Amino acid sequence: MSNHARNTGPMRASPRCGAKTHAGGSCRSPAVRGKRRCRMHGGAPGSGAQKGNRNARRHGLFTGEAIAERKQIRALLGEARKLLQEMK
């Protein structure tokens, strides 16, 4: 164990990430220089989603057509529930 004092001032003064954790608080890691998030929450280069939402092409669940179809089905089900409530 060393006897020297560590210079933690710049680390403590750096801006924090602020991403929401599973526990409900905010991340206490320092943000990457020039970014608002830490390296674990998207501040690192190369992190984040691919350009152009290429993942939607794998299964088609999040294409515009699929989202519109689900929205239309939800609206239809809502109208059916409302009609059932009126019939009671």
PDB file of N, CA and C in Angstrom:
ATOM      1  N   MET A   1       0.835  -1.177   0.000  1.00  0.00           N
ATOM      2  CA  MET A   1       0.000   0.000   0.000  1.00  0.00           C
ATOM      3  C   MET A   1       0.881   1.242   0.000  1.00  0.00           C
ATOM      4  N   SER A   2       0.547   2.214  -0.832  1.00  0.00           N
ATOM      5  CA  SER A   2       1.386   3.405  -0.931  1.00  0.00           C
ATOM      6  C   SER A   2       0.905   4.485   0.031  1.00  0.00           C
ATOM      7  N   ASN A   3       1.805   5.385   0.369  1.00  0.00           N
ATOM      8  CA  ASN A   3       1.500   6.450   1.315  1.00  0.00           C
ATOM      9  C   ASN A   3       1.213   7.786   0.645  1.00  0.00           C
ATOM     10  N   HIS A   4       1.237   7.841  -0.697  1.00  0.00           N
ATOM     11  CA  HIS A   4       1.017   9.127  -1.362  1.00  0.00           C
ATOM     12  C   HIS A   4      -0.486   9.407  -1.527  1.00  0.00           C
ATOM     13  N   ALA A   5      -0.818  10.676  -1.533  1.00  0.00           N
ATOM     14  CA  ALA A   5      -2.212  11.083  -1.718  1.00  0.00           C
ATOM     15  C   ALA A   5      -2.520  11.090  -3.212  1.00  0.00           C
ATOM     16  N   ARG A   6      -3.653  10.580  -3.565  1.00  0.00           N
ATOM     17  CA  ARG A   6      -4.052  10.563  -4.976  1.00  0.00           C
ATOM     18  C   ARG A   6      -4.688  11.891  -5.347  1.00  0.00           C
ATOM     19  N   ASN A   7      -4.464  12.294  -6.589  1.00  0.00           N
ATOM     20  CA  ASN A   7      -5.051  13.526  -7.100  1.00  0.00           C
ATOM     21  C   ASN A   7      -6.383  13.168  -7.757  1.00  0.00           C
ATOM     22  N   THR A   8      -7.465  13.184  -6.977  1.00  0.00           N
ATOM     23  CA  THR A   8      -8.778  12.796  -7.488  1.00  0.00           C
ATOM     24  C   THR A   8      -9.647  13.995  -7.844  1.00  0.00           C
ATOM     25  N   GLY A   9      -9.100  15.198  -7.707  1.00  0.00           N
ATOM     26  CA  GLY A   9      -9.875  16.416  -7.979  1.00  0.00           C
ATOM     27  C   GLY A   9     -10.470  16.476  -9.374  1.00  0.00           C
ATOM     28  N   PRO A  10      -9.673  16.282 -10.453  1.00  0.00           N
ATOM     29  CA  PRO A  10     -10.252  16.343 -11.800  1.00  0.00           C
ATOM     30  C   PRO A  10     -11.311  15.261 -12.044  1.00  0.00           C
ATOM     31  N   MET A  11     -11.113  14.082 -11.476  1.00  0.00           N
ATOM     32  CA  MET A  11     -12.092  13.004 -11.646  1.00  0.00           C
ATOM     33  C   MET A  11     -13.415  13.364 -10.964  1.00  0.00           C
ATOM     34  N   ARG A  12     -13.330  13.920  -9.777  1.00  0.00           N
ATOM     35  CA  ARG A  12     -14.544  14.283  -9.043  1.00  0.00           C
ATOM     36  C   ARG A  12     -15.254  15.474  -9.678  1.00  0.00           C
ATOM     37  N   ALA A  13     -14.494  16.356 -10.328  1.00  0.00           N
ATOM     38  CA  ALA A  13     -15.077  17.556 -10.929  1.00  0.00           C
ATOM     39  C   ALA A  13     -15.651  17.295 -12.320  1.00  0.00           C
ATOM     40  N   SER A  14     -15.360  16.138 -12.920  1.00  0.00           N
ATOM     41  CA  SER A  14     -15.832  15.868 -14.280  1.00  0.00           C
ATOM     42  C   SER A  14     -17.342  15.644 -14.285  1.00  0.00           C
ATOM     43  N   PRO A  15     -17.994  15.983 -15.395  1.00  0.00           N
ATOM     44  CA  PRO A  15     -19.446  15.782 -15.480  1.00  0.00           C
ATOM     45  C   PRO A  15     -19.797  14.296 -15.431  1.00  0.00           C
ATOM     46  N   ARG A  16     -20.921  13.983 -14.857  1.00  0.00           N
ATOM     47  CA  ARG A  16     -21.366  12.595 -14.707  1.00  0.00           C
ATOM     48  C   ARG A  16     -22.261  12.179 -15.867  1.00  0.00           C
ATOM     49  N   CYS A  17     -22.387  10.883 -16.029  1.00  0.00           N
ATOM     50  CA  CYS A  17     -23.129  10.302 -17.148  1.00  0.00           C
ATOM     51  C   CYS A  17     -24.612  10.659 -17.064  1.00  0.00           C
ATOM     52  N   GLY A  18     -25.278  10.297 -15.996  1.00  0.00           N
ATOM     53  CA  GLY A  18     -26.682  10.647 -15.834  1.00  0.00           C
ATOM     54  C   GLY A  18     -27.661   9.669 -16.456  1.00  0.00           C
ATOM     55  N   ALA A  19     -27.192   8.584 -17.069  1.00  0.00           N
ATOM     56  CA  ALA A  19     -28.117   7.595 -17.616  1.00  0.00           C
ATOM     57  C   ALA A  19     -28.845   6.930 -16.466  1.00  0.00           C
ATOM     58  N   LYS A  20     -30.079   6.528 -16.683  1.00  0.00           N
ATOM     59  CA  LYS A  20     -30.875   5.911 -15.632  1.00  0.00           C
ATOM     60  C   LYS A  20     -30.463   4.453 -15.470  1.00  0.00           C
ATOM     61  N   THR A  21     -30.250   4.028 -14.218  1.00  0.00           N
ATOM     62  CA  THR A  21     -29.849   2.654 -13.934  1.00  0.00           C
ATOM     63  C   THR A  21     -31.074   1.806 -13.631  1.00  0.00           C
ATOM     64  N   HIS A  22     -30.876   0.494 -13.541  1.00  0.00           N
ATOM     65  CA  HIS A  22     -31.981  -0.414 -13.222  1.00  0.00           C
ATOM     66  C   HIS A  22     -32.539  -0.125 -11.837  1.00  0.00           C
ATOM     67  N   ALA A  23     -31.695   0.366 -10.939  1.00  0.00           N
ATOM     68  CA  ALA A  23     -32.130   0.675  -9.572  1.00  0.00           C
ATOM     69  C   ALA A  23     -32.957   1.960  -9.517  1.00  0.00           C
ATOM     70  N   GLY A  24     -33.008   2.715 -10.597  1.00  0.00           N
ATOM     71  CA  GLY A  24     -33.804   3.928 -10.649  1.00  0.00           C
ATOM     72  C   GLY A  24     -33.002   5.200 -10.477  1.00  0.00           C
ATOM     73  N   GLY A  25     -31.753   5.096 -10.023  1.00  0.00           N
ATOM     74  CA  GLY A  25     -30.904   6.276  -9.862  1.00  0.00           C
ATOM     75  C   GLY A  25     -30.222   6.624 -11.168  1.00  0.00           C
ATOM     76  N   SER A  26     -29.272   7.538 -11.085  1.00  0.00           N
ATOM     77  CA  SER A  26     -28.531   7.878 -12.294  1.00  0.00           C
ATOM     78  C   SER A  26     -27.119   7.326 -12.196  1.00  0.00           C
ATOM     79  N   CYS A  27     -26.529   7.032 -13.340  1.00  0.00           N
ATOM     80  CA  CYS A  27     -25.177   6.480 -13.412  1.00  0.00           C
ATOM     81  C   CYS A  27     -24.195   7.503 -12.866  1.00  0.00           C
ATOM     82  N   ARG A  28     -23.259   7.048 -12.079  1.00  0.00           N
ATOM     83  CA  ARG A  28     -22.303   7.959 -11.440  1.00  0.00           C
ATOM     84  C   ARG A  28     -20.942   7.943 -12.122  1.00  0.00           C
ATOM     85  N   SER A  29     -20.816   7.230 -13.230  1.00  0.00           N
ATOM     86  CA  SER A  29     -19.551   7.197 -13.954  1.00  0.00           C
ATOM     87  C   SER A  29     -19.315   8.528 -14.660  1.00  0.00           C
ATOM     88  N   PRO A  30     -18.058   8.894 -14.883  1.00  0.00           N
ATOM     89  CA  PRO A  30     -17.801  10.153 -15.586  1.00  0.00           C
ATOM     90  C   PRO A  30     -18.165  10.040 -17.066  1.00  0.00           C
ATOM     91  N   ALA A  31     -18.680  11.117 -17.611  1.00  0.00           N
ATOM     92  CA  ALA A  31     -19.033  11.140 -19.030  1.00  0.00           C
ATOM     93  C   ALA A  31     -17.762  11.180 -19.868  1.00  0.00           C
ATOM     94  N   VAL A  32     -17.836  10.623 -21.069  1.00  0.00           N
ATOM     95  CA  VAL A  32     -16.712  10.655 -22.010  1.00  0.00           C
ATOM     96  C   VAL A  32     -16.520  12.104 -22.451  1.00  0.00           C
ATOM     97  N   ARG A  33     -15.292  12.518 -22.642  1.00  0.00           N
ATOM     98  CA  ARG A  33     -14.994  13.894 -23.029  1.00  0.00           C
ATOM     99  C   ARG A  33     -15.744  14.257 -24.310  1.00  0.00           C
ATOM    100  N   GLY A  34     -16.495  15.322 -24.246  1.00  0.00           N
ATOM    101  CA  GLY A  34     -17.243  15.789 -25.406  1.00  0.00           C
ATOM    102  C   GLY A  34     -18.596  15.126 -25.566  1.00  0.00           C
ATOM    103  N   LYS A  35     -18.950  14.203 -24.679  1.00  0.00           N
ATOM    104  CA  LYS A  35     -20.234  13.512 -24.756  1.00  0.00           C
ATOM    105  C   LYS A  35     -20.989  13.700 -23.451  1.00  0.00           C
ATOM    106  N   ARG A  36     -22.225  13.257 -23.424  1.00  0.00           N
ATOM    107  CA  ARG A  36     -23.028  13.387 -22.213  1.00  0.00           C
ATOM    108  C   ARG A  36     -23.176  12.062 -21.476  1.00  0.00           C
ATOM    109  N   ARG A  37     -22.661  10.961 -22.061  1.00  0.00           N
ATOM    110  CA  ARG A  37     -22.803   9.640 -21.452  1.00  0.00           C
ATOM    111  C   ARG A  37     -21.435   9.015 -21.229  1.00  0.00           C
ATOM    112  N   CYS A  38     -21.387   8.041 -20.327  1.00  0.00           N
ATOM    113  CA  CYS A  38     -20.140   7.334 -20.038  1.00  0.00           C
ATOM    114  C   CYS A  38     -19.886   6.285 -21.118  1.00  0.00           C
ATOM    115  N   ARG A  39     -18.778   5.598 -21.031  1.00  0.00           N
ATOM    116  CA  ARG A  39     -18.418   4.610 -22.044  1.00  0.00           C
ATOM    117  C   ARG A  39     -19.366   3.426 -22.046  1.00  0.00           C
ATOM    118  N   MET A  40     -20.028   3.144 -20.923  1.00  0.00           N
ATOM    119  CA  MET A  40     -20.952   2.013 -20.871  1.00  0.00           C
ATOM    120  C   MET A  40     -22.346   2.352 -21.381  1.00  0.00           C
ATOM    121  N   HIS A  41     -22.668   3.631 -21.444  1.00  0.00           N
ATOM    122  CA  HIS A  41     -24.019   4.037 -21.837  1.00  0.00           C
ATOM    123  C   HIS A  41     -24.052   4.792 -23.152  1.00  0.00           C
ATOM    124  N   GLY A  42     -23.102   4.560 -24.021  1.00  0.00           N
ATOM    125  CA  GLY A  42     -23.174   5.111 -25.371  1.00  0.00           C
ATOM    126  C   GLY A  42     -22.220   6.238 -25.676  1.00  0.00           C
ATOM    127  N   GLY A  43     -21.308   6.575 -24.782  1.00  0.00           N
ATOM    128  CA  GLY A  43     -20.377   7.658 -25.049  1.00  0.00           C
ATOM    129  C   GLY A  43     -19.161   7.219 -25.828  1.00  0.00           C
ATOM    130  N   ALA A  44     -18.895   5.910 -25.843  1.00  0.00           N
ATOM    131  CA  ALA A  44     -17.708   5.397 -26.521  1.00  0.00           C
ATOM    132  C   ALA A  44     -17.904   5.420 -28.034  1.00  0.00           C
ATOM    133  N   PRO A  45     -16.823   5.594 -28.815  1.00  0.00           N
ATOM    134  CA  PRO A  45     -16.971   5.556 -30.268  1.00  0.00           C
ATOM    135  C   PRO A  45     -17.395   4.170 -30.729  1.00  0.00           C
ATOM    136  N   GLY A  46     -18.306   4.150 -31.679  1.00  0.00           N
ATOM    137  CA  GLY A  46     -18.776   2.879 -32.213  1.00  0.00           C
ATOM    138  C   GLY A  46     -19.941   2.296 -31.447  1.00  0.00           C
ATOM    139  N   SER A  47     -20.355   2.930 -30.356  1.00  0.00           N
ATOM    140  CA  SER A  47     -21.494   2.396 -29.613  1.00  0.00           C
ATOM    141  C   SER A  47     -22.782   2.976 -30.185  1.00  0.00           C
ATOM    142  N   GLY A  48     -23.858   2.294 -29.948  1.00  0.00           N
ATOM    143  CA  GLY A  48     -25.158   2.757 -30.426  1.00  0.00           C
ATOM    144  C   GLY A  48     -25.664   1.907 -31.563  1.00  0.00           C
ATOM    145  N   ALA A  49     -26.794   2.288 -32.069  1.00  0.00           N
ATOM    146  CA  ALA A  49     -27.462   1.523 -33.117  1.00  0.00           C
ATOM    147  C   ALA A  49     -26.767   1.725 -34.462  1.00  0.00           C
ATOM    148  N   GLN A  50     -27.007   0.803 -35.356  1.00  0.00           N
ATOM    149  CA  GLN A  50     -26.455   0.902 -36.696  1.00  0.00           C
ATOM    150  C   GLN A  50     -27.185   1.997 -37.458  1.00  0.00           C
ATOM    151  N   LYS A  51     -26.570   2.507 -38.495  1.00  0.00           N
ATOM    152  CA  LYS A  51     -27.197   3.514 -39.327  1.00  0.00           C
ATOM    153  C   LYS A  51     -28.307   2.882 -40.144  1.00  0.00           C
ATOM    154  N   GLY A  52     -29.424   3.556 -40.220  1.00  0.00           N
ATOM    155  CA  GLY A  52     -30.503   3.113 -41.087  1.00  0.00           C
ATOM    156  C   GLY A  52     -31.372   2.012 -40.530  1.00  0.00           C
ATOM    157  N   ASN A  53     -31.307   1.693 -39.250  1.00  0.00           N
ATOM    158  CA  ASN A  53     -32.136   0.676 -38.616  1.00  0.00           C
ATOM    159  C   ASN A  53     -32.114  -0.637 -39.393  1.00  0.00           C
ATOM    160  N   ARG A  54     -30.945  -1.187 -39.577  1.00  0.00           N
ATOM    161  CA  ARG A  54     -30.803  -2.447 -40.310  1.00  0.00           C
ATOM    162  C   ARG A  54     -31.403  -3.626 -39.557  1.00  0.00           C
ATOM    163  N   ASN A  55     -31.561  -3.484 -38.237  1.00  0.00           N
ATOM    164  CA  ASN A  55     -32.130  -4.580 -37.460  1.00  0.00           C
ATOM    165  C   ASN A  55     -33.591  -4.835 -37.799  1.00  0.00           C
ATOM    166  N   ALA A  56     -34.307  -3.840 -38.287  1.00  0.00           N
ATOM    167  CA  ALA A  56     -35.711  -4.005 -38.638  1.00  0.00           C
ATOM    168  C   ALA A  56     -35.866  -4.974 -39.803  1.00  0.00           C
ATOM    169  N   ARG A  57     -34.830  -5.134 -40.588  1.00  0.00           N
ATOM    170  CA  ARG A  57     -34.923  -6.001 -41.765  1.00  0.00           C
ATOM    171  C   ARG A  57     -34.827  -7.478 -41.407  1.00  0.00           C
ATOM    172  N   ARG A  58     -34.364  -7.793 -40.222  1.00  0.00           N
ATOM    173  CA  ARG A  58     -34.189  -9.197 -39.847  1.00  0.00           C
ATOM    174  C   ARG A  58     -35.520  -9.906 -39.704  1.00  0.00           C
ATOM    175  N   HIS A  59     -36.434  -9.292 -38.961  1.00  0.00           N
ATOM    176  CA  HIS A  59     -37.699  -9.976 -38.710  1.00  0.00           C
ATOM    177  C   HIS A  59     -38.904  -9.146 -39.127  1.00  0.00           C
ATOM    178  N   GLY A  60     -38.716  -7.881 -39.441  1.00  0.00           N
ATOM    179  CA  GLY A  60     -39.789  -7.038 -39.942  1.00  0.00           C
ATOM    180  C   GLY A  60     -40.728  -6.511 -38.870  1.00  0.00           C
ATOM    181  N   LEU A  61     -40.415  -6.726 -37.607  1.00  0.00           N
ATOM    182  CA  LEU A  61     -41.318  -6.329 -36.528  1.00  0.00           C
ATOM    183  C   LEU A  61     -41.429  -4.822 -36.390  1.00  0.00           C
ATOM    184  N   PHE A  62     -40.390  -4.095 -36.736  1.00  0.00           N
ATOM    185  CA  PHE A  62     -40.385  -2.660 -36.529  1.00  0.00           C
ATOM    186  C   PHE A  62     -40.359  -1.872 -37.835  1.00  0.00           C
ATOM    187  N   THR A  63     -40.791  -2.465 -38.917  1.00  0.00           N
ATOM    188  CA  THR A  63     -40.916  -1.715 -40.162  1.00  0.00           C
ATOM    189  C   THR A  63     -42.118  -0.789 -40.053  1.00  0.00           C
ATOM    190  N   GLY A  64     -42.165   0.228 -40.870  1.00  0.00           N
ATOM    191  CA  GLY A  64     -43.282   1.172 -40.827  1.00  0.00           C
ATOM    192  C   GLY A  64     -44.616   0.503 -41.073  1.00  0.00           C
ATOM    193  N   GLU A  65     -44.629  -0.458 -41.986  1.00  0.00           N
ATOM    194  CA  GLU A  65     -45.880  -1.157 -42.305  1.00  0.00           C
ATOM    195  C   GLU A  65     -46.373  -1.974 -41.119  1.00  0.00           C
ATOM    196  N   ALA A  66     -45.461  -2.667 -40.438  1.00  0.00           N
ATOM    197  CA  ALA A  66     -45.843  -3.498 -39.305  1.00  0.00           C
ATOM    198  C   ALA A  66     -46.347  -2.641 -38.143  1.00  0.00           C
ATOM    199  N   ILE A  67     -45.699  -1.510 -37.908  1.00  0.00           N
ATOM    200  CA  ILE A  67     -46.130  -0.616 -36.841  1.00  0.00           C
ATOM    201  C   ILE A  67     -47.505  -0.051 -37.152  1.00  0.00           C
ATOM    202  N   ALA A  68     -47.736   0.352 -38.395  1.00  0.00           N
ATOM    203  CA  ALA A  68     -49.031   0.894 -38.798  1.00  0.00           C
ATOM    204  C   ALA A  68     -50.129  -0.169 -38.659  1.00  0.00           C
ATOM    205  N   GLU A  69     -49.806  -1.403 -39.018  1.00  0.00           N
ATOM    206  CA  GLU A  69     -50.783  -2.489 -38.901  1.00  0.00           C
ATOM    207  C   GLU A  69     -51.158  -2.733 -37.436  1.00  0.00           C
ATOM    208  N   ARG A  70     -50.170  -2.744 -36.557  1.00  0.00           N
ATOM    209  CA  ARG A  70     -50.461  -2.944 -35.131  1.00  0.00           C
ATOM    210  C   ARG A  70     -51.284  -1.793 -34.566  1.00  0.00           C
ATOM    211  N   LYS A  71     -51.017  -0.575 -35.018  1.00  0.00           N
ATOM    212  CA  LYS A  71     -51.773   0.586 -34.563  1.00  0.00           C
ATOM    213  C   LYS A  71     -53.233   0.474 -35.000  1.00  0.00           C
ATOM    214  N   GLN A  72     -53.440   0.021 -36.206  1.00  0.00           N
ATOM    215  CA  GLN A  72     -54.791  -0.141 -36.737  1.00  0.00           C
ATOM    216  C   GLN A  72     -55.542  -1.237 -35.965  1.00  0.00           C
ATOM    217  N   ILE A  73     -54.865  -2.321 -35.646  1.00  0.00           N
ATOM    218  CA  ILE A  73     -55.478  -3.411 -34.885  1.00  0.00           C
ATOM    219  C   ILE A  73     -55.851  -2.933 -33.485  1.00  0.00           C
ATOM    220  N   ARG A  74     -54.950  -2.160 -32.834  1.00  0.00           N
ATOM    221  CA  ARG A  74     -55.261  -1.632 -31.496  1.00  0.00           C
ATOM    222  C   ARG A  74     -56.480  -0.716 -31.527  1.00  0.00           C
ATOM    223  N   ALA A  75     -56.597   0.113 -32.565  1.00  0.00           N
ATOM    224  CA  ALA A  75     -57.743   1.010 -32.691  1.00  0.00           C
ATOM    225  C   ALA A  75     -59.026   0.208 -32.874  1.00  0.00           C
ATOM    226  N   LEU A  76     -58.966  -0.835 -33.675  1.00  0.00           N
ATOM    227  CA  LEU A  76     -60.130  -1.688 -33.908  1.00  0.00           C
ATOM    228  C   LEU A  76     -60.549  -2.403 -32.625  1.00  0.00           C
ATOM    229  N   LEU A  77     -59.586  -2.901 -31.875  1.00  0.00           N
ATOM    230  CA  LEU A  77     -59.890  -3.565 -30.607  1.00  0.00           C
ATOM    231  C   LEU A  77     -60.478  -2.574 -29.601  1.00  0.00           C
ATOM    232  N   GLY A  78     -59.982  -1.351 -29.603  1.00  0.00           N
ATOM    233  CA  GLY A  78     -60.525  -0.326 -28.713  1.00  0.00           C
ATOM    234  C   GLY A  78     -61.982  -0.020 -29.030  1.00  0.00           C
ATOM    235  N   GLU A  79     -62.297   0.060 -30.320  1.00  0.00           N
ATOM    236  CA  GLU A  79     -63.686   0.302 -30.733  1.00  0.00           C
ATOM    237  C   GLU A  79     -64.576  -0.870 -30.342  1.00  0.00           C
ATOM    238  N   ALA A  80     -64.063  -2.090 -30.480  1.00  0.00           N
ATOM    239  CA  ALA A  80     -64.842  -3.274 -30.105  1.00  0.00           C
ATOM    240  C   ALA A  80     -65.105  -3.293 -28.598  1.00  0.00           C
ATOM    241  N   ARG A  81     -64.104  -2.940 -27.792  1.00  0.00           N
ATOM    242  CA  ARG A  81     -64.300  -2.897 -26.337  1.00  0.00           C
ATOM    243  C   ARG A  81     -65.336  -1.844 -25.952  1.00  0.00           C
ATOM    244  N   LYS A  82     -65.254  -0.690 -26.611  1.00  0.00           N
ATOM    245  CA  LYS A  82     -66.208   0.376 -26.335  1.00  0.00           C
ATOM    246  C   LYS A  82     -67.631  -0.065 -26.681  1.00  0.00           C
ATOM    247  N   LEU A  83     -67.781  -0.756 -27.789  1.00  0.00           N
ATOM    248  CA  LEU A  83     -69.085  -1.266 -28.214  1.00  0.00           C
ATOM    249  C   LEU A  83     -69.618  -2.297 -27.220  1.00  0.00           C
ATOM    250  N   LEU A  84     -68.748  -3.153 -26.723  1.00  0.00           N
ATOM    251  CA  LEU A  84     -69.157  -4.155 -25.721  1.00  0.00           C
ATOM    252  C   LEU A  84     -69.600  -3.479 -24.430  1.00  0.00           C
ATOM    253  N   GLN A  85     -68.912  -2.425 -24.026  1.00  0.00           N
ATOM    254  CA  GLN A  85     -69.294  -1.698 -22.817  1.00  0.00           C
ATOM    255  C   GLN A  85     -70.660  -1.032 -22.974  1.00  0.00           C
ATOM    256  N   GLU A  86     -70.940  -0.527 -24.164  1.00  0.00           N
ATOM    257  CA  GLU A  86     -72.236   0.105 -24.415  1.00  0.00           C
ATOM    258  C   GLU A  86     -73.360  -0.911 -24.408  1.00  0.00           C
ATOM    259  N   MET A  87     -73.063  -2.149 -24.801  1.00  0.00           N
ATOM    260  CA  MET A  87     -74.094  -3.193 -24.872  1.00  0.00           C
ATOM    261  C   MET A  87     -74.474  -3.722 -23.487  1.00  0.00           C
ATOM    262  N   LYS A  88     -73.609  -3.562 -22.504  1.00  0.00           N
ATOM    263  CA  LYS A  88     -73.897  -4.078 -21.153  1.00  0.00           C
ATOM    264  C   LYS A  88     -74.938  -3.294 -20.455  1.00  0.00           C
TER     265      LYS A  88
END
